[in-house]
Structure formats: C-alpha cells, structure tokens
C-alpha cells in the first residue's frame, strides 16, 4: 500500500497522545496495541511506582510484552512439522520410485 493510501489516527499510549500514519486495515491492531501497552505500563506503575523510575517501569513493560510475543511465536512455530512433512514426502517419493523400477 502506498504512502498516500495511509491515514492518520490519534492513539493514547500510556501518558502520551500520538498521531500515527497507518494502513486502514491495521487500525484495530494499532488501537489494541496501544491499549495493551497502556495496560501493561499501568500495571507495572501501580506495583513499582515507589520503587522504580518511570524509565525502568517502561522497560519492564516492554520486556513483558516482548516475552509474550516470544512465547506466542514459539507456540506457533510450525518448522518441526514442516521438517517431518518434507522427510515423509521424500520417503514416499523414494518408495514410489522403487516400486516403478
């Protein structure tokens, strides 16, 4: 999608209002992402406001969200299945070639 097909939306992320230019079909995801960031930072701020700096709280929230993403990607890793399918396909081809001979 070209730059001229994007549009601007205003997002509230934690304590900041920001304007971002996005593809129309990504709006829901961007709004949900902003909400997730805000909720995560608020959670850490509630629990650590007196013990940590705001910068540390933001980093803790970033790590939390990044860990969630890493765990999600690991759960969705299909490469072991692809490897098995490739191996089985090769074995089947070899068996079929042997049967033809």
PDB file of N, CA and C in Angstrom:
ATOM      1  N   UNK A   1       0.858  -1.173   0.000  1.00  0.00           N
ATOM      2  CA  UNK A   1       0.000   0.000   0.000  1.00  0.00           C
ATOM      3  C   UNK A   1       0.903   1.235   0.000  1.00  0.00           C
ATOM      4  N   UNK A   2       0.616   2.173  -0.853  1.00  0.00           N
ATOM      5  CA  UNK A   2       1.459   3.353  -0.959  1.00  0.00           C
ATOM      6  C   UNK A   2       1.188   4.322   0.185  1.00  0.00           C
ATOM      7  N   UNK A   3       2.107   5.234   0.356  1.00  0.00           N
ATOM      8  CA  UNK A   3       2.035   6.219   1.444  1.00  0.00           C
ATOM      9  C   UNK A   3       0.759   7.050   1.373  1.00  0.00           C
ATOM     10  N   UNK A   4       0.280   7.361   0.165  1.00  0.00           N
ATOM     11  CA  UNK A   4      -0.918   8.194   0.030  1.00  0.00           C
ATOM     12  C   UNK A   4      -2.204   7.439   0.352  1.00  0.00           C
ATOM     13  N   UNK A   5      -2.128   6.114   0.499  1.00  0.00           N
ATOM     14  CA  UNK A   5      -3.304   5.333   0.862  1.00  0.00           C
ATOM     15  C   UNK A   5      -3.406   5.120   2.374  1.00  0.00           C
ATOM     16  N   UNK A   6      -2.475   5.678   3.106  1.00  0.00           N
ATOM     17  CA  UNK A   6      -2.494   5.578   4.559  1.00  0.00           C
ATOM     18  C   UNK A   6      -3.277   6.743   5.133  1.00  0.00           C
ATOM     19  N   UNK A   7      -3.704   6.583   6.374  1.00  0.00           N
ATOM     20  CA  UNK A   7      -4.387   7.682   7.025  1.00  0.00           C
ATOM     21  C   UNK A   7      -3.882   7.809   8.450  1.00  0.00           C
ATOM     22  N   UNK A   8      -4.124   8.935   9.066  1.00  0.00           N
ATOM     23  CA  UNK A   8      -3.618   9.224  10.406  1.00  0.00           C
ATOM     24  C   UNK A   8      -4.680   8.933  11.452  1.00  0.00           C
ATOM     25  N   UNK A   9      -4.220   8.348  12.550  1.00  0.00           N
ATOM     26  CA  UNK A   9      -5.092   8.165  13.704  1.00  0.00           C
ATOM     27  C   UNK A   9      -4.364   8.686  14.936  1.00  0.00           C
ATOM     28  N   UNK A  10      -5.129   9.052  15.925  1.00  0.00           N
ATOM     29  CA  UNK A  10      -4.570   9.517  17.193  1.00  0.00           C
ATOM     30  C   UNK A  10      -4.676   8.371  18.186  1.00  0.00           C
ATOM     31  N   UNK A  11      -3.546   8.025  18.787  1.00  0.00           N
ATOM     32  CA  UNK A  11      -3.517   6.954  19.774  1.00  0.00           C
ATOM     33  C   UNK A  11      -3.110   7.509  21.134  1.00  0.00           C
ATOM     34  N   UNK A  12      -3.726   6.996  22.176  1.00  0.00           N
ATOM     35  CA  UNK A  12      -3.306   7.310  23.540  1.00  0.00           C
ATOM     36  C   UNK A  12      -2.482   6.122  24.019  1.00  0.00           C
ATOM     37  N   UNK A  13      -1.196   6.352  24.243  1.00  0.00           N
ATOM     38  CA  UNK A  13      -0.295   5.300  24.702  1.00  0.00           C
ATOM     39  C   UNK A  13       0.263   5.732  26.050  1.00  0.00           C
ATOM     40  N   UNK A  14      -0.195   5.056  27.096  1.00  0.00           N
ATOM     41  CA  UNK A  14       0.164   5.354  28.478  1.00  0.00           C
ATOM     42  C   UNK A  14      -0.137   6.812  28.802  1.00  0.00           C
ATOM     43  N   UNK A  15       0.865   7.672  28.824  1.00  0.00           N
ATOM     44  CA  UNK A  15       0.617   9.072  29.179  1.00  0.00           C
ATOM     45  C   UNK A  15       0.872  10.017  28.006  1.00  0.00           C
ATOM     46  N   UNK A  16       0.822   9.473  26.806  1.00  0.00           N
ATOM     47  CA  UNK A  16       1.168  10.249  25.621  1.00  0.00           C
ATOM     48  C   UNK A  16       0.111  10.087  24.534  1.00  0.00           C
ATOM     49  N   UNK A  17      -0.242  11.199  23.911  1.00  0.00           N
ATOM     50  CA  UNK A  17      -1.094  11.167  22.724  1.00  0.00           C
ATOM     51  C   UNK A  17      -0.170  11.233  21.523  1.00  0.00           C
ATOM     52  N   UNK A  18      -0.390  10.356  20.574  1.00  0.00           N
ATOM     53  CA  UNK A  18       0.458  10.382  19.382  1.00  0.00           C
ATOM     54  C   UNK A  18      -0.369  10.143  18.132  1.00  0.00           C
ATOM     55  N   UNK A  19       0.092  10.729  17.044  1.00  0.00           N
ATOM     56  CA  UNK A  19      -0.541  10.537  15.750  1.00  0.00           C
ATOM     57  C   UNK A  19       0.350   9.598  14.952  1.00  0.00           C
ATOM     58  N   UNK A  20      -0.264   8.558  14.410  1.00  0.00           N
ATOM     59  CA  UNK A  20       0.475   7.619  13.576  1.00  0.00           C
ATOM     60  C   UNK A  20      -0.237   7.470  12.246  1.00  0.00           C
ATOM     61  N   UNK A  21       0.542   7.237  11.219  1.00  0.00           N
ATOM     62  CA  UNK A  21       0.005   7.034   9.873  1.00  0.00           C
ATOM     63  C   UNK A  21       0.045   5.539   9.595  1.00  0.00           C
ATOM     64  N   UNK A  22      -1.123   4.971   9.288  1.00  0.00           N
ATOM     65  CA  UNK A  22      -1.224   3.520   9.145  1.00  0.00           C
ATOM     66  C   UNK A  22      -2.089   3.147   7.954  1.00  0.00           C
ATOM     67  N   UNK A  23      -2.029   1.875   7.595  1.00  0.00           N
ATOM     68  CA  UNK A  23      -2.967   1.331   6.618  1.00  0.00           C
ATOM     69  C   UNK A  23      -4.318   1.184   7.307  1.00  0.00           C
ATOM     70  N   UNK A  24      -5.355   1.447   6.598  1.00  0.00           N
ATOM     71  CA  UNK A  24      -6.701   1.401   7.183  1.00  0.00           C
ATOM     72  C   UNK A  24      -6.993   0.043   7.838  1.00  0.00           C
ATOM     73  N   UNK A  25      -6.561  -1.043   7.199  1.00  0.00           N
ATOM     74  CA  UNK A  25      -6.857  -2.372   7.745  1.00  0.00           C
ATOM     75  C   UNK A  25      -6.073  -2.680   9.025  1.00  0.00           C
ATOM     76  N   UNK A  26      -5.090  -1.852   9.367  1.00  0.00           N
ATOM     77  CA  UNK A  26      -4.299  -2.066  10.577  1.00  0.00           C
ATOM     78  C   UNK A  26      -4.800  -1.264  11.774  1.00  0.00           C
ATOM     79  N   UNK A  27      -5.843  -0.475  11.588  1.00  0.00           N
ATOM     80  CA  UNK A  27      -6.297   0.414  12.664  1.00  0.00           C
ATOM     81  C   UNK A  27      -6.650  -0.355  13.938  1.00  0.00           C
ATOM     82  N   UNK A  28      -7.425  -1.403  13.816  1.00  0.00           N
ATOM     83  CA  UNK A  28      -7.833  -2.161  15.004  1.00  0.00           C
ATOM     84  C   UNK A  28      -6.616  -2.696  15.757  1.00  0.00           C
ATOM     85  N   UNK A  29      -5.632  -3.204  15.011  1.00  0.00           N
ATOM     86  CA  UNK A  29      -4.433  -3.749  15.643  1.00  0.00           C
ATOM     87  C   UNK A  29      -3.640  -2.660  16.367  1.00  0.00           C
ATOM     88  N   UNK A  30      -3.539  -1.503  15.741  1.00  0.00           N
ATOM     89  CA  UNK A  30      -2.806  -0.396  16.362  1.00  0.00           C
ATOM     90  C   UNK A  30      -3.492   0.059  17.645  1.00  0.00           C
ATOM     91  N   UNK A  31      -4.792   0.150  17.618  1.00  0.00           N
ATOM     92  CA  UNK A  31      -5.535   0.570  18.815  1.00  0.00           C
ATOM     93  C   UNK A  31      -5.407  -0.471  19.931  1.00  0.00           C
ATOM     94  N   UNK A  32      -5.475  -1.738  19.568  1.00  0.00           N
ATOM     95  CA  UNK A  32      -5.307  -2.796  20.567  1.00  0.00           C
ATOM     96  C   UNK A  32      -3.880  -2.796  21.129  1.00  0.00           C
ATOM     97  N   UNK A  33      -2.903  -2.549  20.274  1.00  0.00           N
ATOM     98  CA  UNK A  33      -1.511  -2.498  20.724  1.00  0.00           C
ATOM     99  C   UNK A  33      -1.310  -1.340  21.702  1.00  0.00           C
ATOM    100  N   UNK A  34      -1.868  -0.177  21.377  1.00  0.00           N
ATOM    101  CA  UNK A  34      -1.754   0.980  22.269  1.00  0.00           C
ATOM    102  C   UNK A  34      -2.401   0.681  23.619  1.00  0.00           C
ATOM    103  N   UNK A  35      -3.547   0.026  23.582  1.00  0.00           N
ATOM    104  CA  UNK A  35      -4.240  -0.330  24.817  1.00  0.00           C
ATOM    105  C   UNK A  35      -3.419  -1.332  25.628  1.00  0.00           C
ATOM    106  N   UNK A  36      -2.834  -2.319  24.960  1.00  0.00           N
ATOM    107  CA  UNK A  36      -2.005  -3.309  25.656  1.00  0.00           C
ATOM    108  C   UNK A  36      -0.814  -2.639  26.326  1.00  0.00           C
ATOM    109  N   UNK A  37      -0.164  -1.737  25.616  1.00  0.00           N
ATOM    110  CA  UNK A  37       0.978  -1.018  26.192  1.00  0.00           C
ATOM    111  C   UNK A  37       0.528  -0.235  27.418  1.00  0.00           C
ATOM    112  N   UNK A  38      -0.560   0.503  27.278  1.00  0.00           N
ATOM    113  CA  UNK A  38      -1.067   1.327  28.374  1.00  0.00           C
ATOM    114  C   UNK A  38      -1.402   0.469  29.585  1.00  0.00           C
ATOM    115  N   UNK A  39      -2.114  -0.625  29.376  1.00  0.00           N
ATOM    116  CA  UNK A  39      -2.489  -1.500  30.484  1.00  0.00           C
ATOM    117  C   UNK A  39      -1.270  -2.117  31.160  1.00  0.00           C
ATOM    118  N   UNK A  40      -0.295  -2.544  30.368  1.00  0.00           N
ATOM    119  CA  UNK A  40       0.904  -3.166  30.926  1.00  0.00           C
ATOM    120  C   UNK A  40       1.717  -2.153  31.729  1.00  0.00           C
ATOM    121  N   UNK A  41       1.909  -0.971  31.177  1.00  0.00           N
ATOM    122  CA  UNK A  41       2.660   0.058  31.898  1.00  0.00           C
ATOM    123  C   UNK A  41       1.912   0.459  33.171  1.00  0.00           C
ATOM    124  N   UNK A  42       0.603   0.625  33.081  1.00  0.00           N
ATOM    125  CA  UNK A  42      -0.183   0.971  34.271  1.00  0.00           C
ATOM    126  C   UNK A  42      -0.045  -0.088  35.358  1.00  0.00           C
ATOM    127  N   UNK A  43      -0.051  -1.349  34.965  1.00  0.00           N
ATOM    128  CA  UNK A  43       0.103  -2.443  35.916  1.00  0.00           C
ATOM    129  C   UNK A  43       1.450  -2.354  36.633  1.00  0.00           C
ATOM    130  N   UNK A  44       2.511  -2.165  35.872  1.00  0.00           N
ATOM    131  CA  UNK A  44       3.836  -2.044  36.485  1.00  0.00           C
ATOM    132  C   UNK A  44       3.940  -0.764  37.318  1.00  0.00           C
ATOM    133  N   UNK A  45       3.348   0.304  36.845  1.00  0.00           N
ATOM    134  CA  UNK A  45       3.386   1.569  37.591  1.00  0.00           C
ATOM    135  C   UNK A  45       2.681   1.425  38.938  1.00  0.00           C
ATOM    136  N   UNK A  46       1.544   0.733  38.951  1.00  0.00           N
ATOM    137  CA  UNK A  46       0.818   0.518  40.207  1.00  0.00           C
ATOM    138  C   UNK A  46       1.666  -0.261  41.213  1.00  0.00           C
ATOM    139  N   UNK A  47       2.382  -1.254  40.722  1.00  0.00           N
ATOM    140  CA  UNK A  47       3.142  -2.134  41.607  1.00  0.00           C
ATOM    141  C   UNK A  47       4.530  -1.618  41.963  1.00  0.00           C
ATOM    142  N   UNK A  48       5.124  -0.765  41.134  1.00  0.00           N
ATOM    143  CA  UNK A  48       6.515  -0.381  41.347  1.00  0.00           C
ATOM    144  C   UNK A  48       6.771   1.127  41.357  1.00  0.00           C
ATOM    145  N   UNK A  49       5.730   1.947  41.371  1.00  0.00           N
ATOM    146  CA  UNK A  49       5.885   3.407  41.256  1.00  0.00           C
ATOM    147  C   UNK A  49       6.859   3.964  42.298  1.00  0.00           C
ATOM    148  N   UNK A  50       6.785   3.482  43.526  1.00  0.00           N
ATOM    149  CA  UNK A  50       7.641   3.997  44.599  1.00  0.00           C
ATOM    150  C   UNK A  50       9.028   3.370  44.603  1.00  0.00           C
ATOM    151  N   UNK A  51       9.193   2.280  43.862  1.00  0.00           N
ATOM    152  CA  UNK A  51      10.448   1.535  43.916  1.00  0.00           C
ATOM    153  C   UNK A  51      11.317   1.691  42.672  1.00  0.00           C
ATOM    154  N   UNK A  52      10.708   2.087  41.556  1.00  0.00           N
ATOM    155  CA  UNK A  52      11.424   2.159  40.275  1.00  0.00           C
ATOM    156  C   UNK A  52      11.159   3.483  39.589  1.00  0.00           C
ATOM    157  N   UNK A  53      12.100   3.877  38.743  1.00  0.00           N
ATOM    158  CA  UNK A  53      11.905   5.100  37.957  1.00  0.00           C
ATOM    159  C   UNK A  53      10.897   4.822  36.849  1.00  0.00           C
ATOM    160  N   UNK A  54      10.354   5.882  36.274  1.00  0.00           N
ATOM    161  CA  UNK A  54       9.392   5.712  35.183  1.00  0.00           C
ATOM    162  C   UNK A  54      10.044   5.002  33.993  1.00  0.00           C
ATOM    163  N   UNK A  55      11.303   5.320  33.746  1.00  0.00           N
ATOM    164  CA  UNK A  55      12.021   4.677  32.642  1.00  0.00           C
ATOM    165  C   UNK A  55      12.137   3.168  32.887  1.00  0.00           C
ATOM    166  N   UNK A  56      12.460   2.770  34.121  1.00  0.00           N
ATOM    167  CA  UNK A  56      12.555   1.346  34.433  1.00  0.00           C
ATOM    168  C   UNK A  56      11.194   0.663  34.287  1.00  0.00           C
ATOM    169  N   UNK A  57      10.139   1.344  34.700  1.00  0.00           N
ATOM    170  CA  UNK A  57       8.787   0.795  34.565  1.00  0.00           C
ATOM    171  C   UNK A  57       8.448   0.585  33.096  1.00  0.00           C
ATOM    172  N   UNK A  58       8.794   1.551  32.255  1.00  0.00           N
ATOM    173  CA  UNK A  58       8.556   1.403  30.815  1.00  0.00           C
ATOM    174  C   UNK A  58       9.332   0.221  30.250  1.00  0.00           C
ATOM    175  N   UNK A  59      10.596   0.070  30.659  1.00  0.00           N
ATOM    176  CA  UNK A  59      11.398  -1.058  30.175  1.00  0.00           C
ATOM    177  C   UNK A  59      10.834  -2.383  30.661  1.00  0.00           C
ATOM    178  N   UNK A  60      10.357  -2.434  31.905  1.00  0.00           N
ATOM    179  CA  UNK A  60       9.756  -3.661  32.421  1.00  0.00           C
ATOM    180  C   UNK A  60       8.525  -4.031  31.590  1.00  0.00           C
ATOM    181  N   UNK A  61       7.720  -3.038  31.237  1.00  0.00           N
ATOM    182  CA  UNK A  61       6.538  -3.281  30.406  1.00  0.00           C
ATOM    183  C   UNK A  61       6.952  -3.763  29.019  1.00  0.00           C
ATOM    184  N   UNK A  62       7.992  -3.155  28.450  1.00  0.00           N
ATOM    185  CA  UNK A  62       8.480  -3.591  27.135  1.00  0.00           C
ATOM    186  C   UNK A  62       8.945  -5.041  27.169  1.00  0.00           C
ATOM    187  N   UNK A  63       9.681  -5.396  28.214  1.00  0.00           N
ATOM    188  CA  UNK A  63      10.159  -6.772  28.344  1.00  0.00           C
ATOM    189  C   UNK A  63       8.982  -7.726  28.479  1.00  0.00           C
ATOM    190  N   UNK A  64       7.996  -7.355  29.280  1.00  0.00           N
ATOM    191  CA  UNK A  64       6.809  -8.183  29.467  1.00  0.00           C
ATOM    192  C   UNK A  64       6.124  -8.444  28.124  1.00  0.00           C
ATOM    193  N   UNK A  65       5.886  -7.390  27.358  1.00  0.00           N
ATOM    194  CA  UNK A  65       5.204  -7.527  26.069  1.00  0.00           C
ATOM    195  C   UNK A  65       6.056  -8.324  25.087  1.00  0.00           C
ATOM    196  N   UNK A  66       7.364  -8.074  25.071  1.00  0.00           N
ATOM    197  CA  UNK A  66       8.255  -8.801  24.171  1.00  0.00           C
ATOM    198  C   UNK A  66       8.295 -10.289  24.535  1.00  0.00           C
ATOM    199  N   UNK A  67       8.288 -10.602  25.833  1.00  0.00           N
ATOM    200  CA  UNK A  67       8.264 -12.004  26.256  1.00  0.00           C
ATOM    201  C   UNK A  67       6.984 -12.688  25.813  1.00  0.00           C
ATOM    202  N   UNK A  68       5.863 -12.002  25.944  1.00  0.00           N
ATOM    203  CA  UNK A  68       4.598 -12.568  25.483  1.00  0.00           C
ATOM    204  C   UNK A  68       4.677 -12.892  23.995  1.00  0.00           C
ATOM    205  N   UNK A  69       5.268 -11.982  23.224  1.00  0.00           N
ATOM    206  CA  UNK A  69       5.421 -12.203  21.786  1.00  0.00           C
ATOM    207  C   UNK A  69       6.329 -13.400  21.509  1.00  0.00           C
ATOM    208  N   UNK A  70       7.449 -13.494  22.231  1.00  0.00           N
ATOM    209  CA  UNK A  70       8.374 -14.615  22.040  1.00  0.00           C
ATOM    210  C   UNK A  70       7.698 -15.946  22.348  1.00  0.00           C
ATOM    211  N   UNK A  71       6.961 -16.013  23.462  1.00  0.00           N
ATOM    212  CA  UNK A  71       6.260 -17.247  23.813  1.00  0.00           C
ATOM    213  C   UNK A  71       5.213 -17.598  22.764  1.00  0.00           C
ATOM    214  N   UNK A  72       4.507 -16.590  22.273  1.00  0.00           N
ATOM    215  CA  UNK A  72       3.480 -16.816  21.250  1.00  0.00           C
ATOM    216  C   UNK A  72       4.112 -17.344  19.962  1.00  0.00           C
ATOM    217  N   UNK A  73       5.234 -16.753  19.574  1.00  0.00           N
ATOM    218  CA  UNK A  73       5.912 -17.210  18.353  1.00  0.00           C
ATOM    219  C   UNK A  73       6.418 -18.635  18.505  1.00  0.00           C
ATOM    220  N   UNK A  74       6.894 -18.962  19.706  1.00  0.00           N
ATOM    221  CA  UNK A  74       7.381 -20.323  19.946  1.00  0.00           C
ATOM    222  C   UNK A  74       6.229 -21.324  19.850  1.00  0.00           C
ATOM    223  N   UNK A  75       5.069 -20.971  20.401  1.00  0.00           N
ATOM    224  CA  UNK A  75       3.903 -21.862  20.333  1.00  0.00           C
ATOM    225  C   UNK A  75       3.430 -22.049  18.901  1.00  0.00           C
ATOM    226  N   UNK A  76       3.636 -21.044  18.059  1.00  0.00           N
ATOM    227  CA  UNK A  76       3.166 -21.105  16.678  1.00  0.00           C
ATOM    228  C   UNK A  76       4.236 -21.567  15.700  1.00  0.00           C
ATOM    229  N   UNK A  77       5.355 -22.027  16.208  1.00  0.00           N
ATOM    230  CA  UNK A  77       6.442 -22.475  15.342  1.00  0.00           C
ATOM    231  C   UNK A  77       6.050 -23.784  14.674  1.00  0.00           C
ATOM    232  N   UNK A  78       5.900 -23.744  13.375  1.00  0.00           N
ATOM    233  CA  UNK A  78       5.492 -24.939  12.629  1.00  0.00           C
ATOM    234  C   UNK A  78       6.665 -25.626  11.940  1.00  0.00           C
ATOM    235  N   UNK A  79       7.876 -25.114  12.131  1.00  0.00           N
ATOM    236  CA  UNK A  79       9.019 -25.691  11.419  1.00  0.00           C
ATOM    237  C   UNK A  79       9.235 -27.173  11.740  1.00  0.00           C
ATOM    238  N   UNK A  80       9.029 -27.639  12.990  1.00  0.00           N
ATOM    239  CA  UNK A  80       9.194 -29.092  13.197  1.00  0.00           C
ATOM    240  C   UNK A  80       8.224 -29.916  12.345  1.00  0.00           C
ATOM    241  N   UNK A  81       7.003 -29.429  12.188  1.00  0.00           N
ATOM    242  CA  UNK A  81       6.025 -30.140  11.367  1.00  0.00           C
ATOM    243  C   UNK A  81       6.404 -30.102   9.899  1.00  0.00           C
ATOM    244  N   UNK A  82       6.903 -28.954   9.464  1.00  0.00           N
ATOM    245  CA  UNK A  82       7.331 -28.838   8.069  1.00  0.00           C
ATOM    246  C   UNK A  82       8.465 -29.809   7.788  1.00  0.00           C
ATOM    247  N   UNK A  83       9.407 -29.913   8.736  1.00  0.00           N
ATOM    248  CA  UNK A  83      10.541 -30.825   8.566  1.00  0.00           C
ATOM    249  C   UNK A  83      10.069 -32.270   8.442  1.00  0.00           C
ATOM    250  N   UNK A  84       9.115 -32.653   9.266  1.00  0.00           N
ATOM    251  CA  UNK A  84       8.580 -34.018   9.222  1.00  0.00           C
ATOM    252  C   UNK A  84       7.872 -34.265   7.897  1.00  0.00           C
ATOM    253  N   UNK A  85       7.079 -33.302   7.451  1.00  0.00           N
ATOM    254  CA  UNK A  85       6.350 -33.447   6.182  1.00  0.00           C
ATOM    255  C   UNK A  85       7.328 -33.588   5.015  1.00  0.00           C
ATOM    256  N   UNK A  86       8.380 -32.767   5.013  1.00  0.00           N
ATOM    257  CA  UNK A  86       9.380 -32.857   3.941  1.00  0.00           C
ATOM    258  C   UNK A  86      10.034 -34.236   3.957  1.00  0.00           C
ATOM    259  N   UNK A  87      10.412 -34.707   5.142  1.00  0.00           N
ATOM    260  CA  UNK A  87      11.060 -36.025   5.244  1.00  0.00           C
ATOM    261  C   UNK A  87      10.119 -37.139   4.777  1.00  0.00           C
ATOM    262  N   UNK A  88       8.877 -37.097   5.221  1.00  0.00           N
ATOM    263  CA  UNK A  88       7.908 -38.119   4.811  1.00  0.00           C
ATOM    264  C   UNK A  88       7.648 -38.076   3.302  1.00  0.00           C
ATOM    265  N   UNK A  89       7.561 -36.875   2.759  1.00  0.00           N
ATOM    266  CA  UNK A  89       7.347 -36.725   1.319  1.00  0.00           C
ATOM    267  C   UNK A  89       8.515 -37.332   0.544  1.00  0.00           C
ATOM    268  N   UNK A  90       9.724 -37.071   0.993  1.00  0.00           N
ATOM    269  CA  UNK A  90      10.901 -37.632   0.330  1.00  0.00           C
ATOM    270  C   UNK A  90      10.891 -39.157   0.406  1.00  0.00           C
ATOM    271  N   UNK A  91      10.517 -39.695   1.571  1.00  0.00           N
ATOM    272  CA  UNK A  91      10.453 -41.151   1.725  1.00  0.00           C
ATOM    273  C   UNK A  91       9.391 -41.752   0.808  1.00  0.00           C
ATOM    274  N   UNK A  92       8.260 -41.081   0.701  1.00  0.00           N
ATOM    275  CA  UNK A  92       7.187 -41.580  -0.164  1.00  0.00           C
ATOM    276  C   UNK A  92       7.623 -41.550  -1.626  1.00  0.00           C
ATOM    277  N   UNK A  93       8.272 -40.473  -2.033  1.00  0.00           N
ATOM    278  CA  UNK A  93       8.758 -40.391  -3.418  1.00  0.00           C
ATOM    279  C   UNK A  93       9.748 -41.507  -3.695  1.00  0.00           C
ATOM    280  N   UNK A  94      10.629 -41.750  -2.748  1.00  0.00           N
ATOM    281  CA  UNK A  94      11.629 -42.807  -2.921  1.00  0.00           C
ATOM    282  C   UNK A  94      10.955 -44.171  -3.033  1.00  0.00           C
ATOM    283  N   UNK A  95       9.951 -44.411  -2.187  1.00  0.00           N
ATOM    284  CA  UNK A  95       9.222 -45.690  -2.248  1.00  0.00           C
ATOM    285  C   UNK A  95       8.492 -45.837  -3.579  1.00  0.00           C
ATOM    286  N   UNK A  96       7.865 -44.769  -4.051  1.00  0.00           N
ATOM    287  CA  UNK A  96       7.146 -44.828  -5.324  1.00  0.00           C
ATOM    288  C   UNK A  96       8.110 -45.053  -6.483  1.00  0.00           C
ATOM    289  N   UNK A  97       9.269 -44.438  -6.446  1.00  0.00           N
ATOM    290  CA  UNK A  97      10.272 -44.634  -7.495  1.00  0.00           C
ATOM    291  C   UNK A  97      10.789 -46.060  -7.473  1.00  0.00           C
ATOM    292  N   UNK A  98      10.961 -46.640  -6.288  1.00  0.00           N
ATOM    293  CA  UNK A  98      11.425 -48.028  -6.194  1.00  0.00           C
ATOM    294  C   UNK A  98      10.373 -48.991  -6.726  1.00  0.00           C
ATOM    295  N   UNK A  99       9.093 -48.681  -6.504  1.00  0.00           N
ATOM    296  CA  UNK A  99       8.013 -49.531  -6.982  1.00  0.00           C
ATOM    297  C   UNK A  99       7.915 -49.514  -8.505  1.00  0.00           C
ATOM    298  N   UNK A 100       8.254 -48.397  -9.121  1.00  0.00           N
ATOM    299  CA  UNK A 100       8.185 -48.263 -10.585  1.00  0.00           C
ATOM    300  C   UNK A 100       9.296 -49.049 -11.271  1.00  0.00           C
ATOM    301  N   UNK A 101      10.357 -49.264 -10.559  1.00  0.00           N
ATOM    302  CA  UNK A 101      11.509 -49.930 -11.190  1.00  0.00           C
ATOM    303  C   UNK A 101      11.375 -51.402 -11.161  1.00  0.00           C
TER     304      UNK A 101
END
